[in-house]
Amino acid sequence: MGAHPNAGKPADPKALVNVPRLVAAYYTEKPDSSEPGQRVAFGTSGHRGSSLSLSFNEAHILAVTQAICEQRGRSGATGPLFLGMDTHALSEPAFRSALEVLAGNGVEVMVDRDGGFTPTPVISHAILSHNRGRREGLADGIVITPSHNPPEDGGFKYNPPHGGPADTGVTREIEERANGILRSGSGKVRRLPFERALAAATTHRHDFVGSYVGDLGAVLNLEATRGAGIRIGVDPLGGSGVGYWEPIAQRYGLNLTVVNPAVDPTFRFMPLDWDGKIRMDCSSPFAMAGLIAMRDRFDVAFGNDTDADRHGIVTRTAGLLNPNHYLAAAIDYLFRNRAGWRSDAGVGKTVVSSGMIDRVAARLSRRLFEVPVGFKWFVQGLSDGTLGFGGEESAGASFLREDGTAWSTDKDGLILGLLAAEMMATTGRDPGEHYADLTREFGAPVYERIDAPATKERKAALSKLSPSQVAADTLAGERIEAMLTTAPGNGAAIGGLKVATANGWFAARPSGTEDVYKLYAESFLGADHLRRIQEEAQALIARVFSSPGPG
């Protein structure tokens, strides 16, 4: 699918979201729980939707928060709940609704001391910091964010005491309970008016900024970054990281410039993404066009999405780095420069991340932990130090403190950005140059993800595919070495199929929200070979769709 003609250009002011209408709909529109699209639905990143489509309204947030209040104690979360929000227009209303219910249920809640915005990794860090050494009175958290999604969207995520994304068992319980409340009305929701909730004895002001910023020296070599005088450019893309960069620069003496400190719920300053929509996607060359244009001003620059759990790295030598490229370079650097990590600490990647990571891990003699899509699969390994690094192809990752203990068990785009500056400070080479070194050693892979149409029936068939249904022993001229429907690292279902040869692979997964399936493919033999992989993969999937069963 080609890019929109206005991709990378400023948004038309007439097309910006109408924030008063959006907020009014949040409070006044009532979802119909008999309509599937208007129910609570937890995906890999919580419940998301828009008040204008009756998928993210006050009724949803009241019900979900009440469900969390009832569920959290079952996981040992009887201590404080850390509550944060990003800069989307629906986040503030949802924050108010959530606090009303949390206070109504007598939950100890930690809110930002200054009423500011709180990134996802800061909530994870706060949970782990509180729980370190405890066995009872454990903390958990809520982050109100739809991540990089457009301005009209809202999102709501729950992080249990392990600090990372809640697993499907927990979210299923929350989802089912919340939808039960929606069906029966709001009578089962315990709630205080916002002013009373904010003033309640159970609501506490917490210095999120100071706690997180003050601890960064435990996970990064910021002394080297300061000493080298690395010129750093940061674009928060109008997100929740905006209030963190100046305190970071001041505390650690960094030569850091925030190129755009603006916060505006219309996100009018964002260049349009590939499809002509505003989307704060820091891995998109269209959304990052402004920072890319400034790359010669800085030694290294980076941006984050609105909840700062993703990173986009810009260098003079490579421009905006492909997320897979940076993950590989970061892994190579970290495992050679973190003496405090366990000697058996492994490398975590998803099944649709680049094969370059496999090659780097093998050269480092580190165990590769390959899992389905979803950062939740890395939580345990990051918690106990058996994983030094966990990363997703969608530009989300985290890694251990220098002493080998957990820093965050959710994605942290802030430390991944600062790591790029550390790499340059300690080696004199930026991450783009480090990746170029890897390509000279292992070859230069070509990677692409495309979306192909698929009905709900066909998506269901793909998610349940068995290797026995695939009648092929070669792919693009190479012998098939692996055909996977479960992840090698943990045996969990990948929700699709991955086929690999010595020099290429493809993976096909159904989309959870659209009538398409996602086809990921990579070749170490060049673009022509990649096209062959994609063509044969689509033909193979088409044969599966045309066999008896799928509609």
Protein backbone atom coordinates (compact mmCIF):
# COMPACT_ATOMS: atom_id res chain seq x y z
CA MET A 1 0.00 0.00 0.00
CA GLY A 2 1.49 3.33 -1.05
CA ALA A 3 1.95 6.33 1.19
CA HIS A 4 -0.68 9.05 1.37
CA PRO A 5 0.21 12.10 -0.77
CA ASN A 6 0.34 14.25 2.37
CA ALA A 7 2.49 11.84 4.39
CA GLY A 8 5.25 13.73 6.19
CA LYS A 9 3.50 17.07 5.71
CA PRO A 10 1.75 19.27 8.30
CA ALA A 11 -1.86 18.45 9.11
CA ASP A 12 -4.69 20.53 7.66
CA PRO A 13 -6.01 22.59 10.62
CA LYS A 14 -9.57 21.80 9.51
CA ALA A 15 -8.87 18.09 9.95
CA LEU A 16 -7.66 18.32 13.56
CA VAL A 17 -9.65 16.54 16.23
CA ASN A 18 -12.37 18.60 17.91
CA VAL A 19 -11.23 18.23 21.52
CA PRO A 20 -14.35 19.69 23.23
CA ARG A 21 -16.55 17.34 21.20
CA LEU A 22 -14.30 14.41 22.03
CA VAL A 23 -14.38 15.11 25.77
CA ALA A 24 -18.13 15.83 25.76
CA ALA A 25 -18.75 12.46 24.09
CA TYR A 26 -16.64 10.76 26.77
CA TYR A 27 -19.08 11.92 29.45
CA THR A 28 -22.40 11.94 27.59
CA GLU A 29 -22.36 9.04 25.14
CA LYS A 30 -23.39 5.67 26.57
CA PRO A 31 -21.99 2.47 25.04
CA ASP A 32 -24.31 -0.42 24.17
CA SER A 33 -22.77 -3.57 25.63
CA SER A 34 -24.73 -5.70 23.14
CA GLU A 35 -22.56 -4.21 20.38
CA PRO A 36 -19.15 -5.95 20.22
CA GLY A 37 -17.37 -2.77 19.18
CA GLN A 38 -18.67 -0.93 22.26
CA ARG A 39 -17.55 -3.45 24.88
CA VAL A 40 -14.37 -3.47 26.94
CA ALA A 41 -11.72 -5.36 24.96
CA PHE A 42 -8.18 -5.83 26.24
CA GLY A 43 -5.62 -6.37 23.49
CA THR A 44 -1.86 -6.67 23.91
CA SER A 45 -1.75 -3.07 25.18
CA GLY A 46 -4.91 -2.73 27.22
CA HIS A 47 -8.32 -1.36 26.25
CA ARG A 48 -8.32 1.20 23.46
CA GLY A 49 -10.95 3.14 21.57
CA SER A 50 -12.50 6.55 21.01
CA SER A 51 -15.41 8.30 22.69
CA LEU A 52 -16.71 9.25 19.25
CA SER A 53 -17.17 5.57 18.36
CA LEU A 54 -18.52 4.67 21.83
CA SER A 55 -15.53 2.47 22.53
CA PHE A 56 -13.77 4.65 25.14
CA ASN A 57 -16.30 6.45 27.30
CA GLU A 58 -16.72 7.12 31.00
CA ALA A 59 -18.77 3.95 31.43
CA HIS A 60 -15.84 1.86 30.15
CA ILE A 61 -13.31 3.44 32.50
CA LEU A 62 -15.56 3.22 35.56
CA ALA A 63 -16.23 -0.46 34.85
CA VAL A 64 -12.59 -1.36 34.11
CA THR A 65 -11.28 0.44 37.19
CA GLN A 66 -13.86 -1.25 39.42
CA ALA A 67 -12.86 -4.60 37.93
CA ILE A 68 -9.18 -3.84 38.67
CA CYS A 69 -10.04 -2.90 42.27
CA GLU A 70 -11.70 -6.29 42.70
CA GLN A 71 -8.97 -8.22 40.89
CA ARG A 72 -5.75 -6.64 42.19
CA GLY A 73 -5.81 -8.24 45.62
CA ARG A 74 -5.81 -11.71 44.06
CA SER A 75 -2.30 -11.04 42.74
CA GLY A 76 -1.03 -9.73 46.08
CA ALA A 77 -1.44 -6.07 45.14
CA THR A 78 -2.63 -4.73 48.48
CA GLY A 79 -0.16 -1.85 48.50
CA PRO A 80 -0.25 1.42 46.52
CA LEU A 81 -1.36 1.72 42.92
CA PHE A 82 0.74 4.06 40.77
CA LEU A 83 -1.56 5.99 38.41
CA GLY A 84 -0.25 7.79 35.33
CA MET A 85 -1.52 9.32 32.11
CA ASP A 86 -0.22 10.60 28.80
CA THR A 87 -1.11 13.71 26.80
CA HIS A 88 -4.02 12.44 24.69
CA ALA A 89 -7.20 14.47 25.14
CA LEU A 90 -9.12 11.54 26.63
CA SER A 91 -6.42 10.70 29.16
CA GLU A 92 -7.26 13.46 31.64
CA PRO A 93 -10.99 12.60 31.78
CA ALA A 94 -10.14 8.91 32.14
CA PHE A 95 -7.63 9.74 34.89
CA ARG A 96 -10.33 11.58 36.82
CA SER A 97 -12.82 8.73 36.39
CA ALA A 98 -10.26 6.14 37.46
CA LEU A 99 -9.23 8.09 40.57
CA GLU A 100 -12.88 8.47 41.59
CA VAL A 101 -13.33 4.68 41.54
CA LEU A 102 -9.96 3.88 43.13
CA ALA A 103 -10.70 6.28 46.00
CA GLY A 104 -14.25 4.91 46.29
CA ASN A 105 -12.77 1.47 46.81
CA GLY A 106 -10.23 2.66 49.39
CA VAL A 107 -7.18 1.97 47.20
CA GLU A 108 -3.95 3.78 48.11
CA VAL A 109 -3.17 5.73 44.94
CA MET A 110 0.05 7.50 43.96
CA VAL A 111 -0.49 10.37 41.52
CA ASP A 112 2.06 12.76 40.05
CA ARG A 113 3.11 15.39 42.57
CA ASP A 114 2.59 18.23 40.13
CA GLY A 115 -0.36 16.87 38.18
CA GLY A 116 1.91 16.09 35.23
CA PHE A 117 2.15 13.30 32.70
CA THR A 118 3.74 9.94 33.44
CA PRO A 119 5.37 7.61 30.89
CA THR A 120 4.68 3.88 30.94
CA PRO A 121 8.27 2.94 31.91
CA VAL A 122 8.15 5.34 34.86
CA ILE A 123 5.12 3.49 36.23
CA SER A 124 6.89 0.15 35.77
CA HIS A 125 10.03 1.51 37.46
CA ALA A 126 7.95 2.85 40.37
CA ILE A 127 6.21 -0.51 40.87
CA LEU A 128 9.50 -2.43 40.90
CA SER A 129 11.16 0.12 43.19
CA HIS A 130 8.36 -0.18 45.75
CA ASN A 131 8.18 -3.97 45.56
CA ARG A 132 11.91 -4.66 45.77
CA GLY A 133 12.47 -6.90 48.80
CA ARG A 134 8.76 -7.09 49.69
CA ARG A 135 6.51 -10.10 49.82
CA GLU A 136 3.30 -8.37 50.87
CA GLY A 137 1.73 -4.97 50.42
CA LEU A 138 2.82 -5.08 46.78
CA ALA A 139 2.23 -2.19 44.38
CA ASP A 140 0.72 -2.25 40.90
CA GLY A 141 -0.17 0.43 38.37
CA ILE A 142 -2.42 1.87 35.69
CA VAL A 143 -1.24 3.86 32.69
CA ILE A 144 -3.86 5.80 30.74
CA THR A 145 -2.57 5.93 27.17
CA PRO A 146 -3.37 4.65 23.67
CA SER A 147 0.38 4.73 22.92
CA HIS A 148 1.18 6.19 19.48
CA ASN A 149 -2.44 6.07 18.27
CA PRO A 150 -4.21 9.13 16.77
CA PRO A 151 -5.37 12.08 18.91
CA GLU A 152 -9.00 10.97 19.09
CA ASP A 153 -8.08 7.69 20.80
CA GLY A 154 -7.88 6.75 24.45
CA GLY A 155 -6.22 3.79 26.15
CA PHE A 156 -6.11 2.09 29.55
CA LYS A 157 -3.38 -0.39 30.64
CA TYR A 158 -2.94 -2.37 33.84
CA ASN A 159 0.45 -3.45 35.21
CA PRO A 160 0.32 -5.96 38.09
CA PRO A 161 3.03 -6.26 40.78
CA HIS A 162 5.65 -7.65 38.39
CA GLY A 163 5.60 -4.20 36.76
CA GLY A 164 5.04 -5.34 33.20
CA PRO A 165 1.97 -5.73 31.00
CA ALA A 166 -0.73 -7.90 32.54
CA ASP A 167 -0.97 -11.36 31.04
CA THR A 168 -4.04 -12.66 29.25
CA GLY A 169 -5.38 -14.47 32.31
CA VAL A 170 -5.50 -11.23 34.29
CA THR A 171 -6.84 -9.09 31.45
CA ARG A 172 -9.51 -11.67 30.65
CA GLU A 173 -10.79 -11.49 34.22
CA ILE A 174 -10.81 -7.67 34.12
CA GLU A 175 -12.48 -7.61 30.72
CA GLU A 176 -15.22 -10.08 31.68
CA ARG A 177 -15.97 -8.32 34.97
CA ALA A 178 -16.01 -4.88 33.33
CA ASN A 179 -18.40 -6.00 30.61
CA GLY A 180 -20.62 -7.51 33.29
CA ILE A 181 -20.75 -4.12 34.99
CA LEU A 182 -21.54 -2.46 31.66
CA ARG A 183 -24.45 -4.82 31.11
CA SER A 184 -25.92 -4.16 34.56
CA GLY A 185 -25.29 -0.43 34.67
CA SER A 186 -23.07 1.53 37.03
CA GLY A 187 -24.70 0.39 40.26
CA LYS A 188 -21.82 -1.95 41.09
CA VAL A 189 -19.20 0.82 40.81
CA ARG A 190 -17.99 2.38 44.06
CA ARG A 191 -17.07 5.97 43.38
CA LEU A 192 -16.33 9.33 45.03
CA PRO A 193 -16.68 12.77 43.40
CA PHE A 194 -13.34 13.83 41.93
CA GLU A 195 -12.64 16.63 44.44
CA ARG A 196 -13.18 14.23 47.35
CA ALA A 197 -11.15 11.52 45.62
CA LEU A 198 -8.22 13.88 45.11
CA ALA A 199 -8.37 15.01 48.73
CA ALA A 200 -8.89 11.52 50.14
CA ALA A 201 -6.48 10.17 52.75
CA THR A 202 -5.73 7.31 50.34
CA THR A 203 -4.56 9.61 47.52
CA HIS A 204 -0.88 10.56 47.72
CA ARG A 205 1.39 12.88 45.72
CA HIS A 206 4.44 11.08 44.34
CA ASP A 207 7.59 12.51 42.80
CA PHE A 208 7.63 10.35 39.67
CA VAL A 209 10.12 12.60 37.90
CA GLY A 210 12.64 12.76 40.73
CA SER A 211 12.45 9.05 41.53
CA TYR A 212 12.97 7.92 37.94
CA VAL A 213 15.53 10.55 36.92
CA GLY A 214 17.54 10.09 40.11
CA ASP A 215 17.94 6.38 39.43
CA LEU A 216 19.05 6.56 35.77
CA GLY A 217 22.71 6.30 36.71
CA ALA A 218 22.03 2.69 37.74
CA VAL A 219 21.09 1.63 34.21
CA LEU A 220 23.19 3.91 31.97
CA ASN A 221 26.74 5.27 31.85
CA LEU A 222 25.69 8.90 31.90
CA GLU A 223 29.11 10.05 33.15
CA ALA A 224 30.63 8.94 29.85
CA THR A 225 27.87 10.71 27.92
CA ARG A 226 28.47 13.92 29.83
CA GLY A 227 32.24 13.65 29.57
CA ALA A 228 32.15 13.19 25.79
CA GLY A 229 29.88 16.22 25.36
CA ILE A 230 27.58 14.30 23.03
CA ARG A 231 25.08 16.68 21.43
CA ILE A 232 21.66 15.10 21.94
CA GLY A 233 18.39 16.12 20.30
CA VAL A 234 15.08 14.91 21.71
CA ASP A 235 11.56 15.22 20.33
CA PRO A 236 8.94 13.91 22.81
CA LEU A 237 6.36 14.13 19.96
CA GLY A 238 4.09 15.95 22.39
CA GLY A 239 4.02 12.97 24.74
CA SER A 240 4.39 12.22 28.43
CA GLY A 241 8.19 12.28 28.33
CA VAL A 242 8.14 16.04 27.81
CA GLY A 243 8.60 16.84 31.51
CA TYR A 244 11.51 14.43 32.01
CA TRP A 245 14.20 15.58 29.60
CA GLU A 246 15.15 18.89 31.21
CA PRO A 247 15.51 17.30 34.67
CA ILE A 248 17.62 14.51 33.11
CA ALA A 249 19.85 17.02 31.34
CA GLN A 250 20.27 19.15 34.46
CA ARG A 251 20.97 16.30 36.88
CA TYR A 252 23.53 14.58 34.68
CA GLY A 253 25.02 17.60 32.91
CA LEU A 254 24.04 16.44 29.43
CA ASN A 255 24.27 18.57 26.29
CA LEU A 256 20.63 17.86 25.48
CA THR A 257 18.13 19.95 23.53
CA VAL A 258 14.38 19.33 23.50
CA VAL A 259 13.58 20.40 19.97
CA ASN A 260 9.84 20.65 20.53
CA PRO A 261 8.47 20.91 24.09
CA ALA A 262 4.89 21.58 22.91
CA VAL A 263 1.94 19.69 24.37
CA ASP A 264 -1.30 20.04 22.42
CA PRO A 265 -4.05 17.38 22.44
CA THR A 266 -4.67 17.98 18.73
CA PHE A 267 -0.99 17.15 18.02
CA ARG A 268 -1.12 19.74 15.24
CA PHE A 269 2.69 19.92 15.17
CA MET A 270 3.02 16.28 14.04
CA PRO A 271 3.79 15.51 10.38
CA LEU A 272 1.16 13.18 8.96
CA ASP A 273 1.94 9.47 8.99
CA TRP A 274 2.02 7.12 5.96
CA ASP A 275 -1.80 6.97 5.72
CA GLY A 276 -2.42 10.70 6.14
CA LYS A 277 -3.36 10.39 9.82
CA ILE A 278 -1.71 11.98 12.83
CA ARG A 279 0.09 9.23 14.68
CA MET A 280 2.93 9.64 17.18
CA ASP A 281 4.87 6.69 15.81
CA CYS A 282 8.56 7.27 16.51
CA SER A 283 9.58 4.45 14.15
CA SER A 284 7.80 6.06 11.19
CA PRO A 285 9.96 8.20 8.85
CA PHE A 286 6.87 10.28 8.10
CA ALA A 287 5.94 10.99 11.72
CA MET A 288 9.61 11.65 12.53
CA ALA A 289 10.22 13.89 9.51
CA GLY A 290 10.83 16.97 11.68
CA LEU A 291 13.56 15.36 13.78
CA ILE A 292 15.14 13.65 10.78
CA ALA A 293 15.48 17.07 9.11
CA MET A 294 17.52 18.24 12.13
CA ARG A 295 19.89 15.29 12.24
CA ASP A 296 22.97 17.31 11.29
CA ARG A 297 22.50 19.52 14.37
CA PHE A 298 23.16 16.64 16.77
CA ASP A 299 25.52 13.72 17.27
CA VAL A 300 22.49 11.56 17.99
CA ALA A 301 18.78 12.34 18.28
CA PHE A 302 15.71 10.39 19.29
CA GLY A 303 11.97 10.58 19.77
CA ASN A 304 9.40 8.68 21.78
CA ASP A 305 5.73 7.90 21.34
CA THR A 306 3.17 9.45 23.68
CA ASP A 307 3.67 7.11 26.62
CA ALA A 308 7.45 6.90 25.94
CA ASP A 309 7.58 3.12 25.79
CA ARG A 310 8.94 3.17 22.22
CA HIS A 311 12.03 4.79 20.73
CA GLY A 312 13.08 6.18 17.37
CA ILE A 313 16.82 6.75 16.90
CA VAL A 314 18.17 9.29 14.38
CA THR A 315 21.86 9.49 13.47
CA ARG A 316 23.84 11.55 11.01
CA THR A 317 25.13 8.45 9.25
CA ALA A 318 21.88 6.49 8.91
CA GLY A 319 18.99 8.90 9.44
CA LEU A 320 16.10 7.15 11.23
CA LEU A 321 17.29 3.68 12.15
CA ASN A 322 15.02 0.76 11.39
CA PRO A 323 13.90 -0.57 14.81
CA ASN A 324 15.36 -4.01 14.06
CA HIS A 325 18.72 -2.45 13.21
CA TYR A 326 18.92 -0.55 16.47
CA LEU A 327 17.86 -3.56 18.53
CA ALA A 328 20.70 -5.61 17.02
CA ALA A 329 23.27 -2.85 17.57
CA ALA A 330 22.06 -2.20 21.14
CA ILE A 331 22.23 -5.90 22.04
CA ASP A 332 25.74 -6.20 20.62
CA TYR A 333 26.90 -3.18 22.60
CA LEU A 334 25.18 -3.95 25.90
CA PHE A 335 26.35 -7.53 26.27
CA ARG A 336 29.94 -6.39 25.71
CA ASN A 337 29.68 -3.49 28.15
CA ARG A 338 27.67 -4.72 31.14
CA ALA A 339 30.07 -6.71 33.31
CA GLY A 340 27.52 -6.89 36.14
CA TRP A 341 25.06 -9.00 34.18
CA ARG A 342 24.84 -12.74 34.72
CA SER A 343 27.05 -14.75 32.39
CA ASP A 344 24.00 -16.76 31.35
CA ALA A 345 21.70 -13.75 30.80
CA GLY A 346 19.95 -14.26 27.47
CA VAL A 347 18.65 -12.13 24.61
CA GLY A 348 14.88 -11.78 24.25
CA LYS A 349 13.29 -11.21 20.84
CA THR A 350 9.90 -11.77 19.23
CA VAL A 351 9.39 -14.26 16.40
CA VAL A 352 8.96 -11.40 13.93
CA SER A 353 12.16 -9.56 14.86
CA SER A 354 15.21 -9.61 12.60
CA GLY A 355 17.40 -12.66 12.16
CA MET A 356 20.34 -10.30 12.68
CA ILE A 357 19.57 -10.59 16.40
CA ASP A 358 19.98 -14.37 16.19
CA ARG A 359 23.39 -13.95 14.61
CA VAL A 360 24.52 -11.36 17.15
CA ALA A 361 23.36 -13.53 20.07
CA ALA A 362 25.20 -16.56 18.66
CA ARG A 363 28.43 -14.59 18.26
CA LEU A 364 28.07 -13.34 21.84
CA SER A 365 27.45 -16.95 23.01
CA ARG A 366 24.19 -15.81 24.58
CA ARG A 367 20.98 -17.83 24.76
CA LEU A 368 18.29 -16.60 22.37
CA PHE A 369 14.80 -16.45 23.91
CA GLU A 370 12.37 -16.17 20.98
CA VAL A 371 8.73 -15.56 21.96
CA PRO A 372 5.37 -14.56 20.44
CA VAL A 373 4.58 -10.88 19.85
CA GLY A 374 3.98 -9.09 23.17
CA PHE A 375 6.36 -7.63 25.74
CA LYS A 376 4.68 -9.62 28.52
CA TRP A 377 6.79 -12.63 27.50
CA PHE A 378 9.96 -10.88 28.69
CA VAL A 379 8.69 -9.92 32.14
CA GLN A 380 9.90 -12.97 34.05
CA GLY A 381 13.35 -12.98 32.45
CA LEU A 382 13.91 -9.29 33.10
CA SER A 383 12.63 -9.74 36.66
CA ASP A 384 15.08 -12.48 37.60
CA GLY A 385 18.00 -11.38 35.43
CA THR A 386 17.94 -14.40 33.13
CA LEU A 387 17.30 -11.97 30.26
CA GLY A 388 19.66 -9.04 29.88
CA PHE A 389 17.57 -7.49 27.13
CA GLY A 390 14.08 -7.91 25.73
CA GLY A 391 12.97 -6.17 22.53
CA GLU A 392 10.19 -6.07 19.97
CA GLU A 393 10.46 -5.24 16.28
CA SER A 394 7.98 -2.40 16.87
CA ALA A 395 10.68 -0.34 18.66
CA GLY A 396 9.94 -1.34 22.23
CA ALA A 397 12.64 -2.70 24.54
CA SER A 398 14.16 -2.64 28.00
CA PHE A 399 17.32 -3.95 29.64
CA LEU A 400 18.79 -4.59 33.07
CA ARG A 401 20.50 -2.23 35.46
CA GLU A 402 24.29 -2.34 35.39
CA ASP A 403 24.26 -4.67 38.42
CA GLY A 404 22.06 -7.18 36.58
CA THR A 405 18.80 -6.48 38.43
CA ALA A 406 15.54 -5.32 36.87
CA TRP A 407 15.15 -1.70 35.81
CA SER A 408 11.70 -1.93 34.19
CA THR A 409 9.60 -4.85 33.03
CA ASP A 410 7.75 -2.76 30.49
CA LYS A 411 9.20 -1.09 27.41
CA ASP A 412 11.34 1.98 28.13
CA GLY A 413 11.93 4.33 25.23
CA LEU A 414 13.72 6.85 27.45
CA ILE A 415 16.66 4.59 28.33
CA LEU A 416 16.87 3.24 24.76
CA GLY A 417 17.30 6.80 23.52
CA LEU A 418 19.94 7.63 26.12
CA LEU A 419 21.72 4.36 25.35
CA ALA A 420 22.30 5.60 21.79
CA ALA A 421 24.18 8.58 23.26
CA GLU A 422 26.15 6.31 25.61
CA MET A 423 27.17 4.11 22.68
CA MET A 424 28.55 7.09 20.83
CA ALA A 425 30.25 8.48 23.93
CA THR A 426 32.10 5.29 24.78
CA THR A 427 32.95 4.10 21.25
CA GLY A 428 33.07 7.26 19.15
CA ARG A 429 30.62 5.67 16.71
CA ASP A 430 26.87 6.17 16.48
CA PRO A 431 24.36 3.27 16.43
CA GLY A 432 24.04 3.49 12.65
CA GLU A 433 27.77 2.90 12.31
CA HIS A 434 27.59 0.01 14.77
CA TYR A 435 24.85 -1.60 12.68
CA ALA A 436 26.91 -1.11 9.52
CA ASP A 437 29.69 -3.07 11.22
CA LEU A 438 27.24 -5.90 11.85
CA THR A 439 26.19 -6.00 8.20
CA ARG A 440 29.81 -6.31 7.14
CA GLU A 441 30.11 -9.30 9.44
CA PHE A 442 26.76 -11.03 8.83
CA GLY A 443 25.34 -9.49 5.65
CA ALA A 444 22.68 -6.81 5.19
CA PRO A 445 19.17 -8.22 5.66
CA VAL A 446 16.15 -6.70 3.94
CA TYR A 447 13.02 -6.71 6.11
CA GLU A 448 9.43 -5.67 5.41
CA ARG A 449 5.97 -6.03 6.88
CA ILE A 450 2.90 -5.88 4.66
CA ASP A 451 -0.81 -6.23 5.39
CA ALA A 452 -3.00 -8.48 3.22
CA PRO A 453 -6.82 -8.74 3.25
CA ALA A 454 -8.40 -11.56 5.26
CA THR A 455 -11.91 -12.22 6.51
CA LYS A 456 -12.56 -12.99 10.17
CA GLU A 457 -12.96 -16.66 9.25
CA ARG A 458 -9.65 -16.72 7.43
CA LYS A 459 -7.91 -14.92 10.26
CA ALA A 460 -9.25 -17.56 12.65
CA ALA A 461 -7.95 -20.30 10.35
CA LEU A 462 -4.51 -18.68 10.20
CA SER A 463 -4.29 -18.38 13.98
CA LYS A 464 -4.93 -22.12 14.32
CA LEU A 465 -2.69 -23.23 11.46
CA SER A 466 -0.70 -26.44 11.80
CA PRO A 467 2.61 -27.05 9.97
CA SER A 468 1.03 -30.22 8.55
CA GLN A 469 -1.30 -28.00 6.51
CA VAL A 470 1.65 -26.46 4.66
CA ALA A 471 2.65 -28.55 1.65
CA ALA A 472 6.09 -27.10 0.93
CA ASP A 473 9.69 -28.05 1.63
CA THR A 474 11.43 -25.07 0.03
CA LEU A 475 11.00 -21.31 0.23
CA ALA A 476 12.44 -18.97 -2.41
CA GLY A 477 14.85 -21.66 -3.57
CA GLU A 478 16.10 -22.68 -0.13
CA ARG A 479 15.31 -25.71 1.99
CA ILE A 480 12.86 -24.96 4.81
CA GLU A 481 14.69 -25.49 8.10
CA ALA A 482 11.89 -24.62 10.52
CA MET A 483 8.10 -24.34 10.35
CA LEU A 484 6.74 -22.93 13.59
CA THR A 485 3.33 -22.32 15.14
CA THR A 486 4.78 -22.07 18.65
CA ALA A 487 7.71 -19.93 19.79
CA PRO A 488 11.06 -21.69 20.29
CA GLY A 489 11.78 -19.80 23.52
CA ASN A 490 8.74 -20.76 25.56
CA GLY A 491 6.52 -23.00 23.45
CA ALA A 492 3.67 -20.45 23.46
CA ALA A 493 1.43 -20.25 20.39
CA ILE A 494 2.49 -17.46 18.03
CA GLY A 495 -1.04 -17.11 16.66
CA GLY A 496 0.08 -17.85 13.11
CA LEU A 497 2.94 -19.43 11.20
CA LYS A 498 6.68 -18.80 10.82
CA VAL A 499 8.73 -20.50 8.08
CA ALA A 500 12.52 -20.14 8.06
CA THR A 501 15.42 -21.07 5.77
CA ALA A 502 19.14 -20.45 6.13
CA ASN A 503 18.93 -16.96 4.63
CA GLY A 504 15.34 -15.85 5.01
CA TRP A 505 12.00 -16.30 6.74
CA PHE A 506 8.42 -15.15 6.81
CA ALA A 507 5.79 -15.04 9.52
CA ALA A 508 2.05 -14.56 9.03
CA ARG A 509 -0.25 -13.45 11.85
CA PRO A 510 -3.86 -12.24 11.84
CA SER A 511 -4.51 -8.67 12.92
CA GLY A 512 -6.49 -8.36 16.12
CA THR A 513 -8.32 -5.21 15.04
CA GLU A 514 -8.50 -5.15 11.23
CA ASP A 515 -9.60 -7.59 8.51
CA VAL A 516 -6.04 -8.21 7.39
CA TYR A 517 -3.20 -10.54 8.20
CA LYS A 518 0.30 -9.25 8.78
CA LEU A 519 3.07 -10.76 6.70
CA TYR A 520 6.59 -10.22 8.02
CA ALA A 521 9.52 -11.30 5.87
CA GLU A 522 13.29 -10.95 5.81
CA SER A 523 16.09 -11.97 3.48
CA PHE A 524 19.86 -11.93 3.88
CA LEU A 525 20.20 -12.34 0.09
CA GLY A 526 18.72 -9.04 -1.05
CA ALA A 527 15.51 -7.35 -2.17
CA ASP A 528 14.79 -9.76 -5.06
CA HIS A 529 14.99 -12.73 -2.72
CA LEU A 530 12.71 -10.94 -0.25
CA ARG A 531 10.11 -10.45 -3.01
CA ARG A 532 10.26 -14.17 -3.78
CA ILE A 533 9.73 -15.01 -0.12
CA GLN A 534 6.74 -12.68 0.07
CA GLU A 535 5.18 -13.98 -3.13
CA GLU A 536 5.59 -17.62 -2.15
CA ALA A 537 4.35 -16.89 1.36
CA GLN A 538 1.20 -15.24 0.06
CA ALA A 539 0.60 -18.11 -2.34
CA LEU A 540 1.09 -20.60 0.47
CA ILE A 541 -1.35 -18.75 2.74
CA ALA A 542 -3.85 -18.48 -0.13
CA ARG A 543 -3.75 -22.27 -0.54
CA VAL A 544 -4.47 -22.68 3.13
CA PHE A 545 -7.40 -20.28 2.84
CA SER A 546 -8.81 -22.16 -0.17
CA SER A 547 -8.63 -25.55 1.53
CA PRO A 548 -11.78 -26.90 3.25
CA GLY A 549 -12.51 -25.10 6.47
CA PRO A 550 -11.74 -21.38 6.26
CA GLY A 551 -14.40 -19.11 4.83
